[in-house]
Amino acid sequence: HDYLKISSVATQAGLNPALLRQYASGVKYPSLEQTNKIRNAIKKIAKE
């Protein structure tokens, strides 16, 4: 889903965009809590 801007998803999730970029590139791995924030942000964007 490369059309999604990581910075927009990060803002919706309340995360630092640089951190989400690290998750997306596999440099770092999110905790379950962080994953749920990202999932909820993506669902909110999809609903909108």
All heavy atoms as atom14 arrays in JSON, in Angstrom:
{
  "sequence": "HDYLKISSVATQAGLNPALLRQYASGVKYPSLEQTNKIRNAIKKIAKE",
  "atom14_mask": [
    [1, 1, 1, 1, 1, 1, 1, 1, 1, 1, 0, 0, 0, 0],
    [1, 1, 1, 1, 1, 1, 1, 1, 0, 0, 0, 0, 0, 0],
    [1, 1, 1, 1, 1, 1, 1, 1, 1, 1, 1, 1, 0, 0],
    [1, 1, 1, 1, 1, 1, 1, 1, 0, 0, 0, 0, 0, 0],
    [1, 1, 1, 1, 1, 1, 1, 1, 1, 0, 0, 0, 0, 0],
    [1, 1, 1, 1, 1, 1, 1, 1, 0, 0, 0, 0, 0, 0],
    [1, 1, 1, 1, 1, 1, 0, 0, 0, 0, 0, 0, 0, 0],
    [1, 1, 1, 1, 1, 1, 0, 0, 0, 0, 0, 0, 0, 0],
    [1, 1, 1, 1, 1, 1, 1, 0, 0, 0, 0, 0, 0, 0],
    [1, 1, 1, 1, 1, 0, 0, 0, 0, 0, 0, 0, 0, 0],
    [1, 1, 1, 1, 1, 1, 1, 0, 0, 0, 0, 0, 0, 0],
    [1, 1, 1, 1, 1, 1, 1, 1, 1, 0, 0, 0, 0, 0],
    [1, 1, 1, 1, 1, 0, 0, 0, 0, 0, 0, 0, 0, 0],
    [1, 1, 1, 1, 0, 0, 0, 0, 0, 0, 0, 0, 0, 0],
    [1, 1, 1, 1, 1, 1, 1, 1, 0, 0, 0, 0, 0, 0],
    [1, 1, 1, 1, 1, 1, 1, 1, 0, 0, 0, 0, 0, 0],
    [1, 1, 1, 1, 1, 1, 1, 0, 0, 0, 0, 0, 0, 0],
    [1, 1, 1, 1, 1, 0, 0, 0, 0, 0, 0, 0, 0, 0],
    [1, 1, 1, 1, 1, 1, 1, 1, 0, 0, 0, 0, 0, 0],
    [1, 1, 1, 1, 1, 1, 1, 1, 0, 0, 0, 0, 0, 0],
    [1, 1, 1, 1, 1, 1, 1, 1, 1, 1, 1, 0, 0, 0],
    [1, 1, 1, 1, 1, 1, 1, 1, 1, 0, 0, 0, 0, 0],
    [1, 1, 1, 1, 1, 1, 1, 1, 1, 1, 1, 1, 0, 0],
    [1, 1, 1, 1, 1, 0, 0, 0, 0, 0, 0, 0, 0, 0],
    [1, 1, 1, 1, 1, 1, 0, 0, 0, 0, 0, 0, 0, 0],
    [1, 1, 1, 1, 0, 0, 0, 0, 0, 0, 0, 0, 0, 0],
    [1, 1, 1, 1, 1, 1, 1, 0, 0, 0, 0, 0, 0, 0],
    [1, 1, 1, 1, 1, 1, 1, 1, 1, 0, 0, 0, 0, 0],
    [1, 1, 1, 1, 1, 1, 1, 1, 1, 1, 1, 1, 0, 0],
    [1, 1, 1, 1, 1, 1, 1, 0, 0, 0, 0, 0, 0, 0],
    [1, 1, 1, 1, 1, 1, 0, 0, 0, 0, 0, 0, 0, 0],
    [1, 1, 1, 1, 1, 1, 1, 1, 0, 0, 0, 0, 0, 0],
    [1, 1, 1, 1, 1, 1, 1, 1, 1, 0, 0, 0, 0, 0],
    [1, 1, 1, 1, 1, 1, 1, 1, 1, 0, 0, 0, 0, 0],
    [1, 1, 1, 1, 1, 1, 1, 0, 0, 0, 0, 0, 0, 0],
    [1, 1, 1, 1, 1, 1, 1, 1, 0, 0, 0, 0, 0, 0],
    [1, 1, 1, 1, 1, 1, 1, 1, 1, 0, 0, 0, 0, 0],
    [1, 1, 1, 1, 1, 1, 1, 1, 0, 0, 0, 0, 0, 0],
    [1, 1, 1, 1, 1, 1, 1, 1, 1, 1, 1, 0, 0, 0],
    [1, 1, 1, 1, 1, 1, 1, 1, 0, 0, 0, 0, 0, 0],
    [1, 1, 1, 1, 1, 0, 0, 0, 0, 0, 0, 0, 0, 0],
    [1, 1, 1, 1, 1, 1, 1, 1, 0, 0, 0, 0, 0, 0],
    [1, 1, 1, 1, 1, 1, 1, 1, 1, 0, 0, 0, 0, 0],
    [1, 1, 1, 1, 1, 1, 1, 1, 1, 0, 0, 0, 0, 0],
    [1, 1, 1, 1, 1, 1, 1, 1, 0, 0, 0, 0, 0, 0],
    [1, 1, 1, 1, 1, 0, 0, 0, 0, 0, 0, 0, 0, 0],
    [1, 1, 1, 1, 1, 1, 1, 1, 1, 0, 0, 0, 0, 0],
    [1, 1, 1, 1, 1, 1, 1, 1, 1, 0, 0, 0, 0, 0]
  ],
  "atom14_positions": [
    [[0.85, -1.2, 0.0], [0.0, 0.0, 0.0], [0.89, 1.25, 0.0], [0.76, 2.11, 0.87], [-0.92, -0.01, 1.23], [-1.82, -1.19, 1.28], [-1.46, -2.39, 1.85], [-3.07, -1.38, 0.79], [-2.45, -3.25, 1.72], [-3.44, -2.66, 1.09], [0.0, 0.0, 0.0], [0.0, 0.0, 0.0], [0.0, 0.0, 0.0], [0.0, 0.0, 0.0]],
    [[1.74, 1.34, -0.98], [2.74, 2.42, -1.0], [2.13, 3.8, -1.21], [2.8, 4.8, -1.06], [3.82, 2.14, -2.03], [3.29, 2.01, -3.44], [2.06, 2.07, -3.66], [4.12, 1.82, -4.35], [0.0, 0.0, 0.0], [0.0, 0.0, 0.0], [0.0, 0.0, 0.0], [0.0, 0.0, 0.0], [0.0, 0.0, 0.0], [0.0, 0.0, 0.0]],
    [[0.85, 3.87, -1.51], [0.18, 5.15, -1.65], [-0.12, 5.78, -0.28], [-0.42, 6.96, -0.2], [-1.12, 5.0, -2.45], [-2.02, 3.92, -1.92], [-2.93, 4.18, -0.91], [-1.95, 2.63, -2.42], [-3.74, 3.18, -0.41], [-2.76, 1.62, -1.93], [-3.66, 1.91, -0.93], [-4.45, 0.91, -0.44], [0.0, 0.0, 0.0], [0.0, 0.0, 0.0]],
    [[-0.06, 4.97, 0.77], [-0.25, 5.52, 2.11], [1.0, 6.26, 2.54], [2.1, 5.73, 2.45], [-0.52, 4.41, 3.13], [-1.89, 3.78, 3.11], [-1.93, 2.61, 4.09], [-2.96, 4.78, 3.48], [0.0, 0.0, 0.0], [0.0, 0.0, 0.0], [0.0, 0.0, 0.0], [0.0, 0.0, 0.0], [0.0, 0.0, 0.0], [0.0, 0.0, 0.0]],
    [[0.84, 7.46, 2.99], [1.98, 8.22, 3.49], [2.22, 7.83, 4.94], [1.33, 7.95, 5.78], [1.73, 9.72, 3.38], [1.7, 10.21, 1.96], [1.6, 11.72, 1.93], [1.65, 12.2, 0.5], [1.65, 13.65, 0.44], [0.0, 0.0, 0.0], [0.0, 0.0, 0.0], [0.0, 0.0, 0.0], [0.0, 0.0, 0.0], [0.0, 0.0, 0.0]],
    [[3.41, 7.36, 5.18], [3.75, 6.91, 6.52], [3.59, 8.03, 7.53], [3.11, 7.82, 8.64], [5.16, 6.29, 6.55], [5.13, 4.96, 5.79], [5.67, 6.11, 7.96], [6.45, 4.25, 5.68], [0.0, 0.0, 0.0], [0.0, 0.0, 0.0], [0.0, 0.0, 0.0], [0.0, 0.0, 0.0], [0.0, 0.0, 0.0], [0.0, 0.0, 0.0]],
    [[3.94, 9.25, 7.14], [3.82, 10.37, 8.08], [2.36, 10.62, 8.46], [2.07, 10.92, 9.62], [4.47, 11.63, 7.51], [3.86, 11.98, 6.28], [0.0, 0.0, 0.0], [0.0, 0.0, 0.0], [0.0, 0.0, 0.0], [0.0, 0.0, 0.0], [0.0, 0.0, 0.0], [0.0, 0.0, 0.0], [0.0, 0.0, 0.0], [0.0, 0.0, 0.0]],
    [[1.44, 10.44, 7.52], [0.01, 10.63, 7.82], [-0.5, 9.54, 8.75], [-1.25, 9.82, 9.69], [-0.81, 10.62, 6.53], [-0.45, 11.7, 5.71], [0.0, 0.0, 0.0], [0.0, 0.0, 0.0], [0.0, 0.0, 0.0], [0.0, 0.0, 0.0], [0.0, 0.0, 0.0], [0.0, 0.0, 0.0], [0.0, 0.0, 0.0], [0.0, 0.0, 0.0]],
    [[-0.09, 8.3, 8.49], [-0.5, 7.19, 9.36], [0.08, 7.4, 10.76], [-0.61, 7.2, 11.77], [-0.06, 5.83, 8.77], [-0.38, 4.69, 9.74], [-0.74, 5.58, 7.42], [0.0, 0.0, 0.0], [0.0, 0.0, 0.0], [0.0, 0.0, 0.0], [0.0, 0.0, 0.0], [0.0, 0.0, 0.0], [0.0, 0.0, 0.0], [0.0, 0.0, 0.0]],
    [[1.34, 7.82, 10.83], [1.98, 8.06, 12.13], [1.24, 9.13, 12.91], [1.0, 8.97, 14.11], [3.45, 8.45, 11.92], [0.0, 0.0, 0.0], [0.0, 0.0, 0.0], [0.0, 0.0, 0.0], [0.0, 0.0, 0.0], [0.0, 0.0, 0.0], [0.0, 0.0, 0.0], [0.0, 0.0, 0.0], [0.0, 0.0, 0.0], [0.0, 0.0, 0.0]],
    [[0.85, 10.22, 12.25], [0.12, 11.28, 12.92], [-1.2, 10.76, 13.47], [-1.55, 11.02, 14.62], [-0.13, 12.46, 11.94], [1.13, 12.96, 11.51], [-0.93, 13.56, 12.6], [0.0, 0.0, 0.0], [0.0, 0.0, 0.0], [0.0, 0.0, 0.0], [0.0, 0.0, 0.0], [0.0, 0.0, 0.0], [0.0, 0.0, 0.0], [0.0, 0.0, 0.0]],
    [[-1.93, 9.98, 12.65], [-3.2, 9.41, 13.1], [-3.0, 8.47, 14.29], [-3.84, 8.37, 15.16], [-3.87, 8.62, 11.96], [-4.47, 9.47, 10.89], [-5.8, 10.07, 11.31], [-6.43, 9.67, 12.27], [-6.22, 11.08, 10.57], [0.0, 0.0, 0.0], [0.0, 0.0, 0.0], [0.0, 0.0, 0.0], [0.0, 0.0, 0.0], [0.0, 0.0, 0.0]],
    [[-1.85, 7.76, 14.29], [-1.58, 6.77, 15.35], [-0.95, 7.4, 16.59], [-0.79, 6.74, 17.61], [-0.66, 5.68, 14.82], [0.0, 0.0, 0.0], [0.0, 0.0, 0.0], [0.0, 0.0, 0.0], [0.0, 0.0, 0.0], [0.0, 0.0, 0.0], [0.0, 0.0, 0.0], [0.0, 0.0, 0.0], [0.0, 0.0, 0.0], [0.0, 0.0, 0.0]],
    [[-0.57, 8.68, 16.49], [0.1, 9.32, 17.61], [1.54, 8.85, 17.78], [2.07, 8.83, 18.88], [0.0, 0.0, 0.0], [0.0, 0.0, 0.0], [0.0, 0.0, 0.0], [0.0, 0.0, 0.0], [0.0, 0.0, 0.0], [0.0, 0.0, 0.0], [0.0, 0.0, 0.0], [0.0, 0.0, 0.0], [0.0, 0.0, 0.0], [0.0, 0.0, 0.0]],
    [[2.17, 8.48, 16.66], [3.55, 8.0, 16.67], [4.47, 8.97, 15.94], [4.02, 9.73, 15.08], [3.65, 6.63, 16.0], [2.85, 5.49, 16.63], [2.95, 4.24, 15.76], [3.34, 5.2, 18.03], [0.0, 0.0, 0.0], [0.0, 0.0, 0.0], [0.0, 0.0, 0.0], [0.0, 0.0, 0.0], [0.0, 0.0, 0.0], [0.0, 0.0, 0.0]],
    [[5.73, 8.89, 16.23], [6.74, 9.67, 15.52], [6.89, 9.08, 14.11], [7.09, 7.87, 13.97], [8.06, 9.58, 16.28], [9.15, 10.39, 15.64], [9.44, 10.22, 14.46], [9.76, 11.25, 16.42], [0.0, 0.0, 0.0], [0.0, 0.0, 0.0], [0.0, 0.0, 0.0], [0.0, 0.0, 0.0], [0.0, 0.0, 0.0], [0.0, 0.0, 0.0]],
    [[6.79, 9.89, 13.06], [6.91, 9.37, 11.7], [8.23, 8.62, 11.45], [8.25, 7.61, 10.73], [6.8, 10.62, 10.82], [6.02, 11.58, 11.64], [6.44, 11.32, 13.05], [0.0, 0.0, 0.0], [0.0, 0.0, 0.0], [0.0, 0.0, 0.0], [0.0, 0.0, 0.0], [0.0, 0.0, 0.0], [0.0, 0.0, 0.0], [0.0, 0.0, 0.0]],
    [[9.32, 9.1, 12.02], [10.6, 8.41, 11.83], [10.56, 7.01, 12.43], [11.11, 6.06, 11.84], [11.74, 9.22, 12.46], [0.0, 0.0, 0.0], [0.0, 0.0, 0.0], [0.0, 0.0, 0.0], [0.0, 0.0, 0.0], [0.0, 0.0, 0.0], [0.0, 0.0, 0.0], [0.0, 0.0, 0.0], [0.0, 0.0, 0.0], [0.0, 0.0, 0.0]],
    [[9.88, 6.86, 13.56], [9.77, 5.55, 14.18], [8.94, 4.61, 13.3], [9.31, 3.46, 13.09], [9.14, 5.67, 15.57], [8.94, 4.36, 16.35], [10.28, 3.67, 16.6], [8.22, 4.65, 17.66], [0.0, 0.0, 0.0], [0.0, 0.0, 0.0], [0.0, 0.0, 0.0], [0.0, 0.0, 0.0], [0.0, 0.0, 0.0], [0.0, 0.0, 0.0]],
    [[7.83, 5.12, 12.76], [7.0, 4.28, 11.89], [7.76, 3.9, 10.62], [7.63, 2.78, 10.13], [5.68, 4.98, 11.55], [4.66, 4.14, 10.77], [4.4, 2.79, 11.43], [3.37, 4.91, 10.6], [0.0, 0.0, 0.0], [0.0, 0.0, 0.0], [0.0, 0.0, 0.0], [0.0, 0.0, 0.0], [0.0, 0.0, 0.0], [0.0, 0.0, 0.0]],
    [[8.58, 4.79, 10.1], [9.42, 4.45, 8.94], [10.38, 3.31, 9.29], [10.64, 2.43, 8.47], [10.2, 5.66, 8.45], [9.36, 6.62, 7.63], [10.22, 7.74, 7.0], [9.33, 8.77, 6.52], [8.88, 9.79, 7.25], [9.26, 9.94, 8.51], [8.07, 10.67, 6.73], [0.0, 0.0, 0.0], [0.0, 0.0, 0.0], [0.0, 0.0, 0.0]],
    [[10.9, 3.34, 10.5], [11.79, 2.25, 10.94], [11.03, 0.93, 11.04], [11.54, -0.12, 10.67], [12.45, 2.6, 12.28], [13.46, 3.72, 12.15], [14.02, 4.15, 13.5], [13.4, 3.97, 14.54], [15.22, 4.71, 13.48], [0.0, 0.0, 0.0], [0.0, 0.0, 0.0], [0.0, 0.0, 0.0], [0.0, 0.0, 0.0], [0.0, 0.0, 0.0]],
    [[9.79, 0.99, 11.52], [8.96, -0.22, 11.57], [8.69, -0.72, 10.15], [8.79, -1.91, 9.88], [7.62, 0.05, 12.25], [7.65, 0.37, 13.71], [6.6, 1.07, 14.3], [8.71, -0.03, 14.54], [6.59, 1.35, 15.66], [8.7, 0.27, 15.9], [7.64, 0.96, 16.44], [7.62, 1.24, 17.78], [0.0, 0.0, 0.0], [0.0, 0.0, 0.0]],
    [[8.34, 0.2, 9.26], [7.98, -0.17, 7.9], [9.16, -0.73, 7.11], [8.98, -1.54, 6.21], [7.38, 1.03, 7.16], [0.0, 0.0, 0.0], [0.0, 0.0, 0.0], [0.0, 0.0, 0.0], [0.0, 0.0, 0.0], [0.0, 0.0, 0.0], [0.0, 0.0, 0.0], [0.0, 0.0, 0.0], [0.0, 0.0, 0.0], [0.0, 0.0, 0.0]],
    [[10.37, -0.31, 7.46], [11.56, -0.81, 6.74], [12.17, -2.03, 7.41], [13.08, -2.65, 6.87], [12.6, 0.3, 6.64], [13.1, 0.62, 7.93], [0.0, 0.0, 0.0], [0.0, 0.0, 0.0], [0.0, 0.0, 0.0], [0.0, 0.0, 0.0], [0.0, 0.0, 0.0], [0.0, 0.0, 0.0], [0.0, 0.0, 0.0], [0.0, 0.0, 0.0]],
    [[11.67, -2.39, 8.58], [12.19, -3.57, 9.26], [13.41, -3.3, 10.12], [14.02, -4.22, 10.67], [0.0, 0.0, 0.0], [0.0, 0.0, 0.0], [0.0, 0.0, 0.0], [0.0, 0.0, 0.0], [0.0, 0.0, 0.0], [0.0, 0.0, 0.0], [0.0, 0.0, 0.0], [0.0, 0.0, 0.0], [0.0, 0.0, 0.0], [0.0, 0.0, 0.0]],
    [[13.78, -2.02, 10.29], [14.91, -1.67, 11.15], [14.55, -1.94, 12.61], [15.38, -2.41, 13.38], [15.32, -0.2, 10.93], [16.36, 0.24, 11.94], [15.83, 0.0, 9.51], [0.0, 0.0, 0.0], [0.0, 0.0, 0.0], [0.0, 0.0, 0.0], [0.0, 0.0, 0.0], [0.0, 0.0, 0.0], [0.0, 0.0, 0.0], [0.0, 0.0, 0.0]],
    [[13.3, -1.62, 12.96], [12.79, -1.87, 14.3], [11.47, -2.61, 14.17], [10.83, -2.59, 13.11], [12.56, -0.56, 15.07], [13.82, 0.14, 15.47], [13.51, 1.32, 16.38], [14.81, 1.94, 16.88], [14.54, 3.03, 17.81], [0.0, 0.0, 0.0], [0.0, 0.0, 0.0], [0.0, 0.0, 0.0], [0.0, 0.0, 0.0], [0.0, 0.0, 0.0]],
    [[11.06, -3.23, 15.26], [9.8, -3.97, 15.28], [8.9, -3.43, 16.37], [9.34, -3.24, 17.51], [10.07, -5.47, 15.49], [10.91, -6.02, 14.36], [12.29, -6.1, 14.49], [10.33, -6.4, 13.17], [13.07, -6.58, 13.45], [11.09, -6.87, 12.12], [12.46, -6.97, 12.26], [13.23, -7.42, 11.23], [0.0, 0.0, 0.0], [0.0, 0.0, 0.0]],
    [[7.62, -3.18, 16.03], [6.72, -2.58, 17.01], [6.23, -3.58, 18.05], [6.13, -4.77, 17.79], [5.55, -2.1, 16.14], [5.53, -3.06, 15.0], [6.98, -3.39, 14.74], [0.0, 0.0, 0.0], [0.0, 0.0, 0.0], [0.0, 0.0, 0.0], [0.0, 0.0, 0.0], [0.0, 0.0, 0.0], [0.0, 0.0, 0.0], [0.0, 0.0, 0.0]],
    [[5.92, -3.06, 19.22], [5.28, -3.86, 20.25], [3.82, -4.09, 19.85], [3.32, -3.48, 18.89], [5.32, -3.11, 21.59], [4.52, -1.94, 21.5], [0.0, 0.0, 0.0], [0.0, 0.0, 0.0], [0.0, 0.0, 0.0], [0.0, 0.0, 0.0], [0.0, 0.0, 0.0], [0.0, 0.0, 0.0], [0.0, 0.0, 0.0], [0.0, 0.0, 0.0]],
    [[3.15, -4.94, 20.57], [1.73, -5.17, 20.32], [0.94, -3.88, 20.47], [0.06, -3.58, 19.65], [1.19, -6.25, 21.26], [-0.29, -6.58, 21.11], [-0.6, -7.07, 19.69], [-0.7, -7.64, 22.12], [0.0, 0.0, 0.0], [0.0, 0.0, 0.0], [0.0, 0.0, 0.0], [0.0, 0.0, 0.0], [0.0, 0.0, 0.0], [0.0, 0.0, 0.0]],
    [[1.27, -3.07, 21.48], [0.58, -1.8, 21.69], [0.78, -0.86, 20.5], [-0.18, -0.25, 20.01], [1.09, -1.14, 22.97], [0.4, 0.18, 23.27], [0.95, 0.86, 24.52], [1.68, 0.22, 25.3], [0.65, 2.05, 24.69], [0.0, 0.0, 0.0], [0.0, 0.0, 0.0], [0.0, 0.0, 0.0], [0.0, 0.0, 0.0], [0.0, 0.0, 0.0]],
    [[2.01, -0.75, 20.01], [2.29, 0.11, 18.87], [1.58, -0.42, 17.62], [1.03, 0.35, 16.83], [3.79, 0.21, 18.6], [4.59, 0.84, 19.73], [4.35, 2.33, 19.87], [3.27, 2.77, 20.21], [5.39, 3.1, 19.62], [0.0, 0.0, 0.0], [0.0, 0.0, 0.0], [0.0, 0.0, 0.0], [0.0, 0.0, 0.0], [0.0, 0.0, 0.0]],
    [[1.61, -1.75, 17.44], [0.93, -2.35, 16.28], [-0.56, -2.04, 16.31], [-1.16, -1.72, 15.27], [1.16, -3.88, 16.27], [2.56, -4.14, 16.21], [0.47, -4.53, 15.09], [0.0, 0.0, 0.0], [0.0, 0.0, 0.0], [0.0, 0.0, 0.0], [0.0, 0.0, 0.0], [0.0, 0.0, 0.0], [0.0, 0.0, 0.0], [0.0, 0.0, 0.0]],
    [[-1.16, -2.11, 17.49], [-2.59, -1.79, 17.6], [-2.87, -0.33, 17.28], [-3.87, -0.01, 16.65], [-3.11, -2.15, 18.99], [-3.27, -3.64, 19.16], [-3.45, -4.38, 18.19], [-3.17, -4.1, 20.39], [0.0, 0.0, 0.0], [0.0, 0.0, 0.0], [0.0, 0.0, 0.0], [0.0, 0.0, 0.0], [0.0, 0.0, 0.0], [0.0, 0.0, 0.0]],
    [[-1.98, 0.57, 17.67], [-2.15, 1.99, 17.32], [-2.11, 2.17, 15.81], [-2.92, 2.91, 15.24], [-1.04, 2.83, 17.96], [-1.17, 3.03, 19.45], [-0.01, 3.89, 19.96], [-0.06, 4.1, 21.45], [1.07, 4.92, 21.93], [0.0, 0.0, 0.0], [0.0, 0.0, 0.0], [0.0, 0.0, 0.0], [0.0, 0.0, 0.0], [0.0, 0.0, 0.0]],
    [[-1.17, 1.5, 15.16], [-1.04, 1.6, 13.7], [-2.27, 1.01, 13.03], [-2.84, 1.61, 12.11], [0.26, 0.91, 13.23], [1.48, 1.62, 13.82], [0.33, 0.87, 11.71], [2.76, 0.82, 13.76], [0.0, 0.0, 0.0], [0.0, 0.0, 0.0], [0.0, 0.0, 0.0], [0.0, 0.0, 0.0], [0.0, 0.0, 0.0], [0.0, 0.0, 0.0]],
    [[-2.7, -0.18, 13.47], [-3.88, -0.83, 12.9], [-5.1, 0.07, 13.04], [-5.87, 0.25, 12.09], [-4.12, -2.17, 13.6], [-5.35, -2.91, 13.06], [-5.65, -4.21, 13.8], [-4.54, -5.13, 13.78], [-3.87, -5.53, 14.86], [-4.21, -5.1, 16.06], [-2.88, -6.38, 14.77], [0.0, 0.0, 0.0], [0.0, 0.0, 0.0], [0.0, 0.0, 0.0]],
    [[-5.3, 0.65, 14.22], [-6.46, 1.52, 14.43], [-6.39, 2.77, 13.56], [-7.42, 3.23, 13.06], [-6.57, 1.89, 15.91], [-6.97, 0.7, 16.76], [-7.56, -0.26, 16.27], [-6.63, 0.75, 18.04], [0.0, 0.0, 0.0], [0.0, 0.0, 0.0], [0.0, 0.0, 0.0], [0.0, 0.0, 0.0], [0.0, 0.0, 0.0], [0.0, 0.0, 0.0]],
    [[-5.2, 3.32, 13.38], [-5.05, 4.5, 12.52], [-5.41, 4.16, 11.08], [-6.1, 4.92, 10.4], [-3.62, 5.04, 12.61], [0.0, 0.0, 0.0], [0.0, 0.0, 0.0], [0.0, 0.0, 0.0], [0.0, 0.0, 0.0], [0.0, 0.0, 0.0], [0.0, 0.0, 0.0], [0.0, 0.0, 0.0], [0.0, 0.0, 0.0], [0.0, 0.0, 0.0]],
    [[-4.95, 3.01, 10.6], [-5.24, 2.6, 9.23], [-6.74, 2.35, 9.06], [-7.33, 2.75, 8.05], [-4.39, 1.37, 8.83], [-2.93, 1.78, 8.73], [-4.89, 0.75, 7.54], [-1.95, 0.63, 8.61], [0.0, 0.0, 0.0], [0.0, 0.0, 0.0], [0.0, 0.0, 0.0], [0.0, 0.0, 0.0], [0.0, 0.0, 0.0], [0.0, 0.0, 0.0]],
    [[-7.37, 1.73, 10.05], [-8.81, 1.5, 9.98], [-9.57, 2.83, 9.97], [-10.56, 2.97, 9.26], [-9.26, 0.64, 11.16], [-8.91, -0.81, 11.0], [-9.43, -1.62, 12.17], [-9.14, -3.1, 11.98], [-9.68, -3.92, 13.07], [0.0, 0.0, 0.0], [0.0, 0.0, 0.0], [0.0, 0.0, 0.0], [0.0, 0.0, 0.0], [0.0, 0.0, 0.0]],
    [[-9.1, 3.8, 10.75], [-9.75, 5.11, 10.78], [-9.63, 5.79, 9.42], [-10.6, 6.35, 8.91], [-9.13, 5.99, 11.87], [-9.78, 7.34, 11.99], [-9.17, 8.17, 13.1], [-9.82, 9.56, 13.13], [-9.13, 10.45, 14.04], [0.0, 0.0, 0.0], [0.0, 0.0, 0.0], [0.0, 0.0, 0.0], [0.0, 0.0, 0.0], [0.0, 0.0, 0.0]],
    [[-8.45, 5.73, 8.82], [-8.25, 6.32, 7.49], [-9.16, 5.63, 6.48], [-9.81, 6.29, 5.66], [-6.76, 6.22, 7.07], [-5.91, 7.14, 7.96], [-6.59, 6.57, 5.6], [-4.4, 6.9, 7.83], [0.0, 0.0, 0.0], [0.0, 0.0, 0.0], [0.0, 0.0, 0.0], [0.0, 0.0, 0.0], [0.0, 0.0, 0.0], [0.0, 0.0, 0.0]],
    [[-9.23, 4.3, 6.53], [-10.08, 3.55, 5.61], [-11.55, 3.93, 5.77], [-12.27, 4.09, 4.79], [-9.89, 2.05, 5.82], [0.0, 0.0, 0.0], [0.0, 0.0, 0.0], [0.0, 0.0, 0.0], [0.0, 0.0, 0.0], [0.0, 0.0, 0.0], [0.0, 0.0, 0.0], [0.0, 0.0, 0.0], [0.0, 0.0, 0.0], [0.0, 0.0, 0.0]],
    [[-11.98, 4.08, 7.01], [-13.38, 4.46, 7.27], [-13.66, 5.85, 6.7], [-14.69, 6.06, 6.05], [-13.66, 4.44, 8.78], [-15.11, 4.72, 9.14], [-15.31, 4.61, 10.64], [-16.74, 4.75, 11.09], [-17.46, 5.89, 10.64], [0.0, 0.0, 0.0], [0.0, 0.0, 0.0], [0.0, 0.0, 0.0], [0.0, 0.0, 0.0], [0.0, 0.0, 0.0]],
    [[-12.75, 6.78, 6.92], [-12.93, 8.12, 6.38], [-13.0, 8.09, 4.86], [-13.84, 8.76, 4.25], [-11.79, 9.03, 6.84], [-11.85, 9.38, 8.32], [-10.61, 10.12, 8.81], [-9.71, 10.42, 8.0], [-10.56, 10.4, 10.03], [0.0, 0.0, 0.0], [0.0, 0.0, 0.0], [0.0, 0.0, 0.0], [0.0, 0.0, 0.0], [0.0, 0.0, 0.0]]
  ]
}
